[in-house]
Protein backbone atom coordinates (compact mmCIF):
# COMPACT_ATOMS: atom_id res chain seq x y z
CA MET A 1 -38.07 -36.33 175.44
CA LYS A 2 -39.11 -34.77 179.07
CA HIS A 3 -35.49 -34.21 179.80
CA PRO A 4 -33.14 -32.98 176.56
CA LYS A 5 -30.02 -32.08 178.94
CA ALA A 6 -29.69 -35.24 179.88
CA ALA A 7 -30.78 -36.69 176.41
CA LYS A 8 -27.33 -34.28 174.99
CA ALA A 9 -25.59 -35.88 177.90
CA LEU A 10 -26.41 -39.31 176.75
CA LEU A 11 -25.83 -38.45 173.03
CA PHE A 12 -22.36 -37.00 173.40
CA LEU A 13 -21.96 -40.32 175.68
CA LEU A 14 -22.48 -42.39 172.46
CA THR A 15 -20.84 -40.19 169.99
CA TYR A 16 -17.41 -40.22 172.70
CA PHE A 17 -17.40 -44.26 172.80
CA ILE A 18 -18.27 -44.59 168.77
CA PHE A 19 -16.05 -42.06 167.78
CA SER A 20 -12.99 -41.46 169.91
CA PRO A 21 -9.66 -42.77 168.99
CA ALA A 22 -9.55 -44.24 172.51
CA TYR A 23 -12.46 -46.44 171.89
CA SER A 24 -10.55 -49.56 170.53
CA GLN A 25 -12.86 -52.26 168.20
CA GLY A 26 -11.94 -54.28 170.86
CA GLN A 27 -14.01 -52.28 173.76
CA ALA A 28 -16.58 -52.22 171.36
CA ASP A 29 -16.96 -55.72 171.10
CA GLU A 30 -17.00 -55.90 174.64
CA PHE A 31 -19.35 -53.44 174.88
CA SER A 32 -21.45 -55.61 171.94
CA TRP A 33 -21.77 -58.35 174.50
CA TYR A 34 -24.40 -56.46 176.92
CA ASN A 35 -27.47 -57.04 174.08
CA GLU A 36 -28.32 -60.73 174.86
CA PRO A 37 -31.93 -62.02 173.82
CA PRO A 38 -34.90 -61.11 175.67
CA SER A 39 -36.62 -63.81 177.70
CA ARG A 40 -40.16 -63.52 178.64
CA LEU A 41 -39.72 -66.40 181.63
CA ARG A 42 -36.69 -63.89 182.95
CA GLY A 43 -39.28 -62.02 184.67
CA VAL A 44 -40.65 -65.09 186.37
CA ILE A 45 -37.49 -66.93 187.29
CA GLU A 46 -36.01 -63.23 188.93
CA LYS A 47 -39.88 -62.97 190.89
CA TYR A 48 -39.62 -66.60 192.10
CA ASN A 49 -35.77 -65.88 193.20
CA GLN A 50 -37.21 -62.72 195.66
CA ASP A 51 -40.01 -64.66 196.65
CA TYR A 52 -37.98 -67.47 197.92
CA GLY A 53 -35.72 -64.87 199.51
CA SER A 54 -38.04 -63.20 201.38
CA ILE A 55 -39.56 -66.65 202.60
CA ASN A 56 -36.29 -68.08 203.67
CA ARG A 57 -35.62 -64.94 205.26
CA PHE A 58 -38.79 -64.77 207.06
CA TYR A 59 -39.04 -68.70 208.39
CA THR A 60 -35.41 -68.55 209.58
CA ALA A 61 -35.93 -71.72 212.07
CA GLU A 62 -34.45 -74.35 209.69
CA THR A 63 -36.51 -77.31 211.17
CA SER A 64 -39.87 -75.51 211.25
CA ALA A 65 -42.77 -77.42 209.71
CA ASN A 66 -44.34 -73.92 208.68
CA ARG A 67 -41.05 -73.21 206.78
CA ALA A 68 -40.99 -76.35 204.87
CA ALA A 69 -44.65 -75.93 204.21
CA ARG A 70 -44.26 -72.56 202.82
CA LEU A 71 -41.47 -73.17 200.77
CA LYS A 72 -43.63 -76.31 199.32
CA GLN A 73 -46.47 -73.90 198.35
CA LEU A 74 -43.62 -71.98 196.59
CA TYR A 75 -42.56 -74.65 194.11
CA SER A 76 -45.45 -75.91 193.57
CA ASP A 77 -47.38 -72.43 192.67
CA HIS A 78 -44.31 -72.11 190.39
CA LEU A 79 -44.77 -75.37 189.06
CA THR A 80 -48.29 -74.74 187.97
CA LEU A 81 -47.18 -71.68 186.43
CA ILE A 82 -44.96 -73.07 183.91
CA ASN A 83 -46.81 -75.96 183.37
CA GLY A 84 -49.43 -73.85 182.10
CA LEU A 85 -47.71 -71.72 179.47
CA ASN A 86 -47.51 -72.15 175.69
CA PHE A 87 -44.23 -73.88 175.91
CA ASP A 88 -44.51 -73.91 171.43
CA ALA A 89 -45.32 -70.38 171.56
CA LEU A 90 -41.93 -69.40 173.13
CA ASN A 91 -38.73 -69.14 171.59
CA HIS A 92 -35.34 -71.09 171.97
CA ASP A 93 -34.07 -69.35 174.64
CA GLU A 94 -37.11 -69.15 176.59
CA GLN A 95 -37.56 -73.03 175.94
CA ILE A 96 -34.00 -73.16 177.19
CA ASP A 97 -35.18 -71.33 180.34
CA TYR A 98 -38.55 -73.48 180.43
CA VAL A 99 -36.99 -76.40 180.54
CA LEU A 100 -34.39 -75.17 183.49
CA PHE A 101 -37.04 -74.21 185.71
CA LYS A 102 -39.39 -76.92 185.12
CA ASN A 103 -36.39 -79.29 186.21
CA TYR A 104 -34.85 -76.96 189.03
CA LEU A 105 -38.70 -77.16 190.77
CA GLN A 106 -39.35 -80.11 190.56
CA HIS A 107 -35.85 -81.04 191.93
CA GLU A 108 -36.67 -78.83 194.87
CA LEU A 109 -39.38 -80.59 195.58
CA LYS A 110 -38.02 -83.58 196.10
CA GLU A 111 -35.10 -82.62 198.06
CA LEU A 112 -38.04 -80.79 200.66
CA ALA A 113 -39.16 -84.33 200.67
CA ARG A 114 -35.75 -85.60 201.18
CA TYR A 115 -34.96 -83.07 204.06
CA GLY A 116 -38.52 -84.18 205.91
CA ALA A 117 -37.00 -88.10 205.71
CA GLN A 118 -33.94 -87.15 207.07
CA LEU A 119 -35.32 -84.77 210.36
CA LYS A 120 -38.00 -87.63 210.43
CA GLU A 121 -34.54 -90.12 210.70
CA MET A 122 -33.53 -87.53 213.35
CA GLY A 123 -36.22 -87.44 215.66
CA ILE A 124 -35.50 -89.80 218.30
CA ILE A 125 -32.39 -87.81 219.11
CA ILE A 126 -34.17 -84.41 218.55
CA PRO A 127 -37.78 -84.49 219.72
CA PHE A 128 -37.54 -81.51 221.16
CA ALA A 129 -36.85 -79.29 218.00
CA ASN A 130 -40.49 -78.35 217.65
CA ILE A 131 -40.76 -76.05 220.45
CA ILE A 132 -37.64 -74.01 219.45
CA ASN A 133 -39.17 -73.89 215.93
CA ASP A 134 -42.90 -72.50 217.76
CA LEU A 135 -40.78 -70.05 219.56
CA GLU A 136 -39.23 -68.80 216.68
CA ASP A 137 -42.10 -68.82 214.14
CA GLU A 138 -44.36 -66.90 216.38
CA ARG A 139 -42.02 -64.80 217.23
CA ARG A 140 -41.82 -63.97 213.43
CA THR A 141 -45.75 -63.49 213.49
CA LEU A 142 -45.06 -60.91 215.96
CA LYS A 143 -47.47 -62.69 218.23
CA ASP A 144 -47.72 -61.22 221.58
CA ILE A 145 -45.81 -63.11 224.47
CA ASP A 146 -46.61 -64.11 227.89
CA PRO A 147 -43.19 -64.21 229.99
CA ALA A 148 -43.89 -66.17 232.75
CA LYS A 149 -45.55 -68.57 230.03
CA ALA A 150 -42.25 -68.57 228.09
CA ALA A 151 -40.53 -69.16 231.11
CA GLN A 152 -42.25 -72.58 231.66
CA THR A 153 -41.96 -73.45 228.34
CA LEU A 154 -37.87 -73.02 228.46
CA ASP A 155 -38.07 -74.81 231.55
CA ASN A 156 -39.82 -78.26 230.18
CA LEU A 157 -37.45 -77.81 227.10
CA SER A 158 -34.51 -78.08 230.08
CA LYS A 159 -36.37 -81.04 231.71
CA GLN A 160 -37.48 -82.35 228.15
CA ILE A 161 -33.51 -82.57 226.64
CA ASP A 162 -31.93 -83.73 229.75
CA GLY A 163 -34.33 -85.97 230.31
CA GLN A 164 -33.96 -87.78 226.43
CA GLN A 165 -29.97 -87.87 227.17
CA LYS A 166 -30.72 -89.79 230.10
CA PHE A 167 -33.18 -92.17 228.30
CA PHE A 168 -30.28 -92.87 225.46
CA GLU A 169 -27.40 -93.33 228.74
CA THR A 170 -30.43 -95.97 230.72
CA THR A 171 -32.16 -97.64 227.51
CA ILE A 172 -31.04 -96.95 224.15
CA LEU A 173 -27.17 -97.63 224.66
CA LYS A 174 -27.46 -100.41 226.85
CA MET A 175 -29.64 -102.47 223.78
CA THR A 176 -27.45 -105.12 222.20
CA ASP A 177 -29.31 -105.67 218.88
CA PRO A 178 -27.73 -102.25 216.96
CA SER A 179 -30.99 -101.58 215.01
CA GLN A 180 -32.33 -99.96 218.18
CA LYS A 181 -29.72 -97.56 217.97
CA PRO A 182 -29.03 -94.31 215.73
CA LYS A 183 -26.88 -94.19 212.68
CA ARG A 184 -23.61 -92.91 213.49
CA THR A 185 -23.96 -91.19 209.99
CA VAL A 186 -27.36 -89.85 211.65
CA ALA A 187 -26.73 -88.71 214.77
CA ASN A 188 -23.77 -86.74 213.03
CA ARG A 189 -26.56 -85.08 211.41
CA ALA A 190 -28.21 -84.54 214.36
CA VAL A 191 -25.52 -82.44 216.06
CA ARG A 192 -25.48 -80.14 213.43
CA MET A 193 -29.64 -79.94 213.42
CA ILE A 194 -28.51 -79.08 217.00
CA ALA A 195 -26.22 -76.25 216.88
CA SER A 196 -28.96 -74.78 214.48
CA LEU A 197 -31.63 -74.95 216.89
CA ARG A 198 -28.86 -73.29 219.22
CA MET A 199 -28.66 -70.30 217.06
CA THR A 200 -32.68 -70.20 216.18
CA LEU A 201 -33.58 -70.14 220.65
CA ARG A 202 -30.34 -67.48 220.50
CA ASN A 203 -32.26 -65.27 217.80
CA TRP A 204 -35.91 -65.76 219.78
CA TYR A 205 -34.43 -65.03 222.89
CA ASN A 206 -32.18 -61.80 222.01
CA PHE A 207 -34.78 -60.16 220.47
CA HIS A 208 -36.76 -59.89 223.59
CA ASN A 209 -34.04 -59.88 226.03
CA SER A 210 -33.51 -56.78 227.68
CA TYR A 211 -35.92 -55.16 225.82
CA ASP A 212 -38.74 -56.04 227.74
CA PRO A 213 -37.80 -56.07 230.95
CA THR A 214 -40.31 -58.73 232.37
CA PHE A 215 -39.13 -61.11 229.89
CA THR A 216 -35.82 -61.11 230.86
CA TRP A 217 -37.07 -60.94 234.74
CA TRP A 218 -38.78 -64.58 233.71
CA ASN A 219 -36.47 -66.23 231.50
CA ALA A 220 -32.95 -65.53 231.78
CA GLU A 221 -32.28 -68.11 234.20
CA PRO A 222 -34.12 -70.94 232.14
CA TYR A 223 -32.60 -69.79 229.25
CA LYS A 224 -29.90 -70.21 230.69
CA ALA A 225 -30.60 -74.03 231.85
CA VAL A 226 -31.22 -74.78 228.34
CA GLU A 227 -28.73 -73.38 226.65
CA ASP A 228 -26.55 -75.77 229.02
CA SER A 229 -28.63 -78.74 228.63
CA LEU A 230 -28.18 -78.31 224.61
CA GLN A 231 -24.65 -77.89 224.98
CA LYS A 232 -24.31 -80.85 227.39
CA TYR A 233 -26.29 -82.87 225.25
CA SER A 234 -24.86 -81.68 221.61
CA THR A 235 -20.87 -83.02 223.42
CA PHE A 236 -22.84 -86.59 224.64
CA VAL A 237 -24.69 -86.73 220.82
CA VAL A 238 -20.92 -86.61 219.62
CA GLN A 239 -18.92 -88.71 221.85
CA LYS A 240 -22.10 -91.74 222.82
CA LEU A 241 -24.03 -91.70 219.78
CA VAL A 242 -21.58 -90.59 217.13
CA GLY A 243 -18.55 -92.14 218.76
CA ILE A 244 -15.98 -89.39 218.11
CA ALA A 245 -13.95 -88.71 221.62
CA PRO A 246 -13.18 -85.47 222.85
CA GLY A 247 -9.62 -84.14 221.19
CA ASP A 248 -9.71 -86.34 218.14
CA LYS A 249 -9.30 -84.04 214.81
CA VAL A 250 -8.87 -87.38 212.33
CA THR A 251 -12.54 -89.18 212.71
CA ILE A 252 -14.64 -88.64 209.47
CA ILE A 253 -18.13 -89.49 209.16
CA GLY A 254 -20.27 -88.25 206.60
CA ASP A 255 -23.58 -89.02 205.48
CA PRO A 256 -24.29 -91.38 202.49
CA ILE A 257 -27.15 -90.61 200.64
CA GLY A 258 -27.70 -94.40 198.62
CA ARG A 259 -27.91 -95.36 194.99
CA ALA A 260 -31.43 -94.27 194.19
CA ALA A 261 -30.86 -90.39 195.50
CA LEU A 262 -27.44 -90.23 193.76
CA ILE A 263 -29.52 -91.22 190.24
CA GLU A 264 -32.25 -88.41 191.14
CA GLU A 265 -29.29 -85.98 191.75
CA LEU A 266 -27.77 -87.55 188.14
CA GLU A 267 -30.87 -87.10 186.44
CA TYR A 268 -31.16 -83.20 188.05
CA GLU A 269 -27.44 -82.47 186.85
CA MET A 270 -28.62 -84.10 183.15
CA ILE A 271 -25.67 -87.20 183.54
CA PRO A 272 -27.29 -89.66 181.81
CA TYR A 273 -25.32 -92.32 183.18
CA THR A 274 -25.23 -94.50 186.73
CA PRO A 275 -23.09 -94.03 189.64
CA GLU A 276 -21.67 -97.54 188.36
CA GLU A 277 -20.99 -96.11 184.81
CA LEU A 278 -19.21 -93.17 186.52
CA ILE A 279 -17.07 -94.87 188.22
CA ASP A 280 -15.87 -97.15 185.38
CA LEU A 281 -15.04 -94.15 183.35
CA ALA A 282 -13.25 -92.84 186.64
CA ASN A 283 -11.01 -95.92 186.22
CA LYS A 284 -10.71 -95.76 183.12
CA GLU A 285 -9.12 -91.92 182.86
CA PHE A 286 -7.30 -93.28 186.04
CA ALA A 287 -5.75 -95.94 184.04
CA TRP A 288 -4.98 -93.37 181.23
CA CYS A 289 -3.11 -91.08 183.80
CA GLU A 290 -0.95 -93.92 185.27
CA GLY A 291 0.42 -94.52 181.61
CA GLU A 292 0.85 -90.68 181.03
CA MET A 293 2.66 -90.68 184.17
CA LYS A 294 4.93 -92.93 183.66
CA LYS A 295 5.93 -91.24 180.39
CA ALA A 296 6.92 -88.51 182.75
CA SER A 297 8.64 -90.38 185.33
CA ARG A 298 10.65 -91.77 182.48
CA GLU A 299 11.96 -88.44 181.20
CA MET A 300 12.85 -87.34 184.76
CA GLY A 301 15.07 -90.57 184.64
CA TYR A 302 12.79 -92.94 187.46
CA GLY A 303 11.60 -95.57 184.58
CA ASP A 304 7.92 -96.38 185.40
CA ASP A 305 8.74 -95.53 189.09
CA TRP A 306 6.34 -92.08 188.81
CA LYS A 307 5.68 -92.38 192.27
CA LYS A 308 9.55 -91.70 193.09
CA ALA A 309 8.94 -88.83 190.22
CA LEU A 310 6.30 -87.46 191.79
CA GLU A 311 8.29 -87.70 195.11
CA ALA A 312 11.17 -85.39 193.72
CA VAL A 313 7.95 -83.01 191.59
CA LYS A 314 7.23 -82.45 195.63
CA GLN A 315 10.30 -81.61 196.80
CA LYS A 316 10.90 -78.31 194.19
CA TYR A 317 9.01 -75.82 196.46
CA VAL A 318 9.73 -72.48 196.88
CA GLU A 319 11.02 -71.33 200.11
CA PRO A 320 8.86 -68.98 202.63
CA GLY A 321 7.64 -66.19 201.62
CA LYS A 322 7.99 -66.82 197.64
CA GLN A 323 4.85 -68.58 197.06
CA PRO A 324 2.91 -65.35 196.49
CA GLN A 325 5.12 -64.63 193.60
CA LEU A 326 5.03 -67.83 192.10
CA ILE A 327 1.54 -67.51 191.70
CA ARG A 328 1.34 -64.24 190.79
CA ASP A 329 3.67 -65.53 187.43
CA GLN A 330 1.79 -68.35 187.11
CA ALA A 331 -1.74 -66.41 186.90
CA MET A 332 -0.03 -63.96 184.60
CA GLU A 333 1.69 -66.56 182.28
CA ALA A 334 -1.89 -68.05 181.97
CA ILE A 335 -3.58 -64.87 181.15
CA GLU A 336 -1.34 -63.97 178.09
CA TYR A 337 -1.41 -67.24 177.06
CA VAL A 338 -5.14 -67.63 176.33
CA GLU A 339 -4.94 -63.73 174.98
CA LYS A 340 -1.83 -64.67 172.40
CA ASN A 341 -3.74 -67.90 171.23
CA ASP A 342 -7.05 -65.94 170.76
CA LEU A 343 -8.69 -68.44 172.73
CA VAL A 344 -11.26 -66.98 174.55
CA THR A 345 -11.62 -63.21 175.37
CA VAL A 346 -10.45 -61.55 178.94
CA PRO A 347 -12.10 -57.94 179.05
CA LYS A 348 -10.04 -55.85 180.60
CA LEU A 349 -11.55 -55.32 184.02
CA ALA A 350 -11.67 -59.33 184.41
CA ARG A 351 -8.09 -59.32 183.65
CA GLU A 352 -7.08 -56.56 186.49
CA SER A 353 -9.15 -57.08 189.13
CA TRP A 354 -8.40 -60.24 190.48
CA ARG A 355 -7.09 -60.22 193.53
CA MET A 356 -4.63 -62.49 195.91
CA GLU A 357 -5.09 -63.46 200.04
CA MET A 358 -3.35 -65.78 202.21
CA MET A 359 -5.68 -69.09 204.07
CA SER A 360 -5.39 -69.29 207.54
CA PRO A 361 -3.95 -72.39 208.91
CA GLU A 362 -7.65 -73.13 210.09
CA ARG A 363 -8.97 -73.17 206.98
CA GLN A 364 -6.19 -74.96 205.52
CA LEU A 365 -6.89 -77.99 207.71
CA GLN A 366 -10.16 -78.55 204.88
CA SER A 367 -8.31 -77.18 202.06
CA PRO A 368 -4.91 -77.92 202.08
CA PHE A 369 -5.06 -76.45 198.53
CA PHE A 370 -5.66 -73.00 197.31
CA LEU A 371 -9.12 -72.07 196.23
CA GLY A 372 -9.85 -69.33 193.65
CA GLY A 373 -12.70 -66.78 192.53
CA GLU A 374 -12.22 -63.24 192.41
CA THR A 375 -9.81 -64.01 194.74
CA ILE A 376 -7.33 -66.56 194.65
CA LEU A 377 -6.95 -67.92 198.40
CA VAL A 378 -3.07 -69.21 198.70
CA SER A 379 -2.36 -72.18 200.91
CA TYR A 380 1.33 -72.21 201.87
CA PRO A 381 2.66 -72.60 205.71
CA THR A 382 2.65 -70.50 208.65
CA SER A 383 5.01 -70.16 211.13
CA THR A 384 2.66 -71.44 213.76
CA MET A 385 2.43 -74.90 211.87
CA SER A 386 4.54 -77.90 213.33
CA HIS A 387 7.69 -78.93 211.15
CA GLU A 388 5.80 -81.71 209.73
CA GLN A 389 2.62 -79.34 209.03
CA LYS A 390 4.68 -76.62 206.74
CA LEU A 391 6.75 -79.68 204.81
CA MET A 392 3.23 -81.38 203.78
CA SER A 393 1.80 -78.03 202.97
CA MET A 394 4.89 -76.87 200.96
CA ARG A 395 5.23 -80.44 199.02
CA GLY A 396 1.58 -80.49 198.18
CA ASN A 397 1.85 -76.56 196.59
CA ASN A 398 5.18 -77.21 194.54
CA PRO A 399 5.50 -75.24 191.71
CA HIS A 400 4.18 -78.03 189.32
CA PHE A 401 1.30 -78.68 191.21
CA THR A 402 0.19 -75.22 191.44
CA HIS A 403 1.23 -74.48 187.53
CA ALA A 404 -1.57 -76.73 186.26
CA VAL A 405 -4.34 -75.26 188.55
CA THR A 406 -3.96 -71.23 188.73
CA HIS A 407 -5.10 -70.88 185.81
CA HIS A 408 -8.36 -73.25 187.03
CA GLU A 409 -8.74 -70.80 190.15
CA LEU A 410 -8.24 -67.16 187.99
CA ILE A 411 -8.43 -67.13 184.13
CA PRO A 412 -9.60 -68.97 182.15
CA GLY A 413 -11.22 -70.38 185.14
CA HIS A 414 -13.50 -69.33 187.89
CA HIS A 415 -12.78 -65.85 188.10
CA LEU A 416 -13.49 -65.21 184.64
CA GLN A 417 -16.93 -67.48 184.40
CA ARG A 418 -18.03 -65.70 187.98
CA TYR A 419 -17.34 -61.90 186.17
CA MET A 420 -19.16 -63.22 183.02
CA ASN A 421 -22.10 -64.90 185.20
CA GLN A 422 -22.47 -61.70 186.75
CA ARG A 423 -23.31 -59.62 183.66
CA TYR A 424 -24.51 -61.91 181.38
CA ARG A 425 -28.00 -63.47 182.19
CA PRO A 426 -27.58 -63.38 185.57
CA TYR A 427 -31.14 -64.31 186.02
CA ARG A 428 -30.06 -68.16 185.53
CA GLU A 429 -28.01 -67.78 188.78
CA ILE A 430 -30.73 -70.30 190.75
CA PHE A 431 -29.50 -73.28 188.33
CA ARG A 432 -25.51 -72.88 189.31
CA THR A 433 -24.30 -76.70 188.79
CA PRO A 434 -20.39 -77.46 189.87
CA PHE A 435 -20.59 -79.80 186.33
CA TRP A 436 -20.41 -76.03 184.39
CA THR A 437 -18.29 -74.10 187.50
CA GLU A 438 -15.69 -76.91 187.98
CA GLY A 439 -16.31 -78.46 184.87
CA TRP A 440 -14.96 -75.05 182.96
CA ALA A 441 -12.39 -74.80 185.41
CA LEU A 442 -11.42 -78.29 184.75
CA TYR A 443 -11.46 -78.39 181.19
CA TRP A 444 -8.86 -75.62 180.65
CA GLU A 445 -6.99 -78.25 182.61
CA PHE A 446 -7.89 -80.90 179.56
CA LEU A 447 -7.35 -77.77 176.47
CA LEU A 448 -4.41 -76.56 177.45
CA TRP A 449 -2.75 -80.33 178.04
CA ASP A 450 -3.51 -80.91 174.33
CA ARG A 451 -1.49 -77.70 173.46
CA GLY A 452 1.79 -78.26 175.10
CA PHE A 453 1.13 -75.53 178.14
CA ASN A 454 2.91 -78.47 180.58
CA LYS A 455 6.14 -78.24 178.62
CA SER A 456 8.64 -80.05 181.11
CA PRO A 457 7.96 -83.82 182.39
CA GLU A 458 7.67 -81.96 185.94
CA ASP A 459 4.89 -79.80 184.94
CA ARG A 460 3.14 -82.79 183.53
CA ALA A 461 3.63 -85.04 186.51
CA GLY A 462 1.71 -81.90 188.14
CA ALA A 463 -0.95 -81.50 185.84
CA LEU A 464 -1.71 -85.12 185.81
CA PHE A 465 -1.32 -85.40 189.70
CA TRP A 466 -4.36 -83.39 189.54
CA ARG A 467 -5.88 -85.40 187.09
CA MET A 468 -5.77 -88.24 188.98
CA HIS A 469 -7.01 -86.15 191.52
CA ARG A 470 -10.62 -85.91 189.73
CA CYS A 471 -10.94 -89.62 188.75
CA ALA A 472 -10.27 -90.49 192.71
CA ARG A 473 -12.59 -87.82 193.96
CA ILE A 474 -15.08 -89.74 191.31
CA ILE A 475 -14.65 -93.19 192.89
CA PHE A 476 -14.10 -92.80 196.16
CA SER A 477 -17.24 -89.98 196.94
CA LEU A 478 -19.75 -92.60 194.45
CA SER A 479 -18.78 -95.48 196.60
CA PHE A 480 -18.72 -93.39 199.38
CA HIS A 481 -22.11 -92.79 198.73
CA LEU A 482 -23.21 -96.03 197.67
CA GLU A 483 -21.84 -97.10 201.05
CA LYS A 484 -19.11 -99.44 199.19
CA MET A 485 -15.98 -97.32 200.63
CA THR A 486 -15.33 -95.64 204.19
CA PRO A 487 -14.24 -91.98 204.56
CA GLN A 488 -11.03 -93.64 206.20
CA GLU A 489 -10.72 -95.82 203.18
CA SER A 490 -11.11 -92.79 200.99
CA VAL A 491 -7.78 -91.31 202.99
CA ASP A 492 -6.22 -94.26 202.31
CA PHE A 493 -7.30 -94.31 198.59
CA LEU A 494 -5.71 -90.97 198.31
CA VAL A 495 -2.50 -91.52 199.89
CA ASP A 496 -1.98 -95.19 197.78
CA ARG A 497 -3.03 -94.58 194.57
CA VAL A 498 -2.64 -90.79 193.90
CA GLY A 499 0.28 -89.79 196.22
CA HIS A 500 -1.13 -87.20 198.52
CA GLU A 501 -0.04 -86.17 201.48
CA ARG A 502 -1.64 -88.33 204.31
CA ASP A 503 -3.02 -84.62 206.09
CA ASN A 504 -3.78 -83.39 203.19
CA ALA A 505 -5.83 -86.68 201.57
CA ALA A 506 -7.62 -86.45 205.26
CA ALA A 507 -8.65 -82.47 204.81
CA GLU A 508 -10.00 -83.66 201.06
CA VAL A 509 -11.66 -86.78 202.39
CA ARG A 510 -13.80 -83.93 205.48
CA ARG A 511 -14.18 -81.38 202.84
CA SER A 512 -15.70 -83.87 200.76
CA PHE A 513 -18.41 -85.51 203.47
CA ALA A 514 -18.29 -82.96 205.85
CA GLY A 515 -22.27 -81.75 204.11
CA ASP A 516 -20.88 -77.90 203.19
CA TYR A 517 -21.02 -80.02 199.47
CA GLY A 518 -23.73 -81.51 197.37
CA PRO A 519 -23.49 -85.50 196.97
CA LEU A 520 -22.28 -85.16 193.31
CA TYR A 521 -20.04 -82.21 194.13
CA GLN A 522 -16.64 -84.01 193.93
CA ILE A 523 -17.33 -86.04 190.83
CA ALA A 524 -18.35 -82.59 188.40
CA TYR A 525 -15.23 -81.59 187.86
CA MET A 526 -14.22 -84.10 185.74
CA MET A 527 -17.67 -84.78 184.25
CA GLY A 528 -18.39 -81.77 183.85
CA GLY A 529 -14.69 -81.26 182.04
CA LEU A 530 -15.20 -84.52 180.04
CA GLN A 531 -18.96 -82.63 178.82
CA PHE A 532 -16.76 -79.50 177.54
CA TYR A 533 -14.28 -81.10 176.15
CA SER A 534 -16.68 -83.53 174.13
CA LEU A 535 -18.56 -79.98 173.00
CA HIS A 536 -15.54 -78.43 171.96
CA ARG A 537 -14.42 -81.28 169.45
CA GLU A 538 -18.02 -80.99 168.39
CA PHE A 539 -18.30 -77.31 167.50
CA VAL A 540 -14.16 -76.26 167.38
CA GLY A 541 -12.63 -79.94 166.09
CA GLY A 542 -15.89 -80.00 163.70
CA LYS A 543 -14.70 -76.40 162.34
CA LYS A 544 -18.14 -75.35 163.23
CA MET A 545 -17.25 -72.37 165.40
CA SER A 546 -13.54 -70.78 166.42
CA ASN A 547 -11.63 -71.47 169.89
CA ARG A 548 -12.81 -67.78 171.03
CA ASP A 549 -16.52 -67.53 169.66
CA PHE A 550 -17.19 -71.33 171.75
CA HIS A 551 -15.60 -70.37 175.02
CA ASP A 552 -17.51 -67.10 174.88
CA ALA A 553 -20.78 -67.92 173.76
CA ILE A 554 -20.47 -70.62 176.82
CA LEU A 555 -19.69 -67.94 179.26
CA LYS A 556 -22.59 -66.10 178.20
CA GLU A 557 -25.43 -68.39 178.74
CA GLY A 558 -25.10 -68.74 182.43
CA ALA A 559 -24.05 -72.04 184.74
CA ILE A 560 -26.58 -74.33 183.98
CA PRO A 561 -26.08 -77.84 183.36
CA VAL A 562 -23.56 -78.35 180.47
CA GLU A 563 -26.06 -80.54 178.44
CA MET A 564 -28.48 -77.46 177.93
CA VAL A 565 -25.43 -75.61 176.90
CA ARG A 566 -25.09 -78.08 173.80
CA ALA A 567 -28.68 -77.42 173.40
CA ILE A 568 -28.35 -73.94 173.23
CA LEU A 569 -25.60 -74.42 170.72
CA THR A 570 -26.99 -77.00 168.75
CA LYS A 571 -30.57 -74.88 168.63
CA GLN A 572 -31.99 -78.11 169.62
CA LYS A 573 -35.50 -79.06 169.51
CA LEU A 574 -36.89 -79.12 172.73
CA ASN A 575 -40.28 -80.01 174.34
CA ARG A 576 -42.15 -79.16 177.61
CA ASP A 577 -40.87 -82.97 179.09
CA TYR A 578 -37.41 -82.52 178.17
CA LYS A 579 -35.07 -86.01 179.62
CA PRO A 580 -31.45 -85.64 179.71
CA GLY A 581 -29.97 -88.31 176.85
CA TRP A 582 -26.29 -86.64 175.43
CA LYS A 583 -23.85 -89.45 176.26
CA PHE A 584 -21.07 -87.63 175.97
CA TYR A 585 -18.13 -89.95 176.83
CA ASP A 586 -17.36 -92.62 174.58
CA PHE A 587 -16.08 -95.79 176.80
CA GLY A 588 -14.49 -97.56 173.56
CA LYS A 589 -11.67 -95.33 172.92
């Protein structure tokens, strides 16, 4: 060895860790986990991920045709690459990566086409988009700029935007045939695109402004005119095409994708059921929840009037300032429970490194309940809220509601899974799916329910509230995307059927349809949870694995579709054209 001192230091460290009394068997087990079977596809996937990052950072104009073309080439090239591999020569782990990568690339190509179709729909509202895209693309390629010509482009652009608004005012809005007008959903989508275009143009202008005095002399005023036109046009689209009046914080629009797109998304997530079957499943699970809720209600002395029992539970909120202590105690209770019962390995650093922060009043408008991960964001009222808002927040975050889901956010839920994902097979991060991420966290609600973790009828009512909530998410989100339920009907459904506070229900629906989540995100909680629940019955219930081995094995494979987790555990024979087919739910029970 060229560096004997380094070799001696390494030998010392190894000797210390192996033979030191402080190095317990538990620590040895934890370090042994870092040895995972290598996959020859790992390098291909990691290189792709870096290539994607380079393209994504270079082509910063979101609606640019050049960006779309370059991404399409990237996806197609890598699809050709893996199609050329000898699938049968790969080991099982590599075949898993092959199936995942191929599924991912095919989906990205479909998503790119769907996004292109959406842009085409918005064309009548943002026909000037390519002018801004071209300016940014030329900046990225560092082409010399003619300041006077750029000023003329901006002057023409502001006039085109103003003319487009006038065209809508004098022609389109006066048409009596609704089919001649843009759909509200398309207009609402266009508002987001206008905001993106404004940001793109701002980046282009700031790159040259002041650094090139001649550019600033020519372009300062034309740029201000374009900014003013875009601002006015965005307000016009919101008020006249989307139909949201100034100050309206209630109306929710959303953007339904339709049945065909839902089917494609379900295939990508490896869920072999139709949207209608999933709605039937959710209604079946909802009925079970109502039956259990009545049992808890009777124990509380309210007979079958479970909504009255739920109202009593909501009244048991803690006084202001005490919510952090409540969440801390519930988090530690869950950690101690899973460790005591040997359900899953909790690395020492994972146990000690989760954090807590309070959620801002602004964020609580979209997330009325807490969020989790390495940091748990606690939702609770502040002094700036109205009296009614304070009561709604406290009622919706009472101790019995939080008892059922604090562990969902931390350990053994999101915090533990994220900790493990970052350390084992991190290259599979690009295949991350909410059916694994949210499904895993919800699955623990199922498992702990079965084990009697929620002892009092109040705690069981709190757990059932959330379980009903997950069922409702499937029903209203799929129905919305099938265009069978409006956002307002979704809010009413959460209030009437689940027992939500109305403001909390509105925040939940707004969050679901705001465009920050995929169309299947809200169904992923219960669907993924049921998948893991089925796996648990198969492997732990079937005496093939212990609880701890089962859960540890899952956490070391990455946040991939749960059907592929099953393929790993069963060492299922795969082929290059693998299609999902695992029916994880028994409708007959």
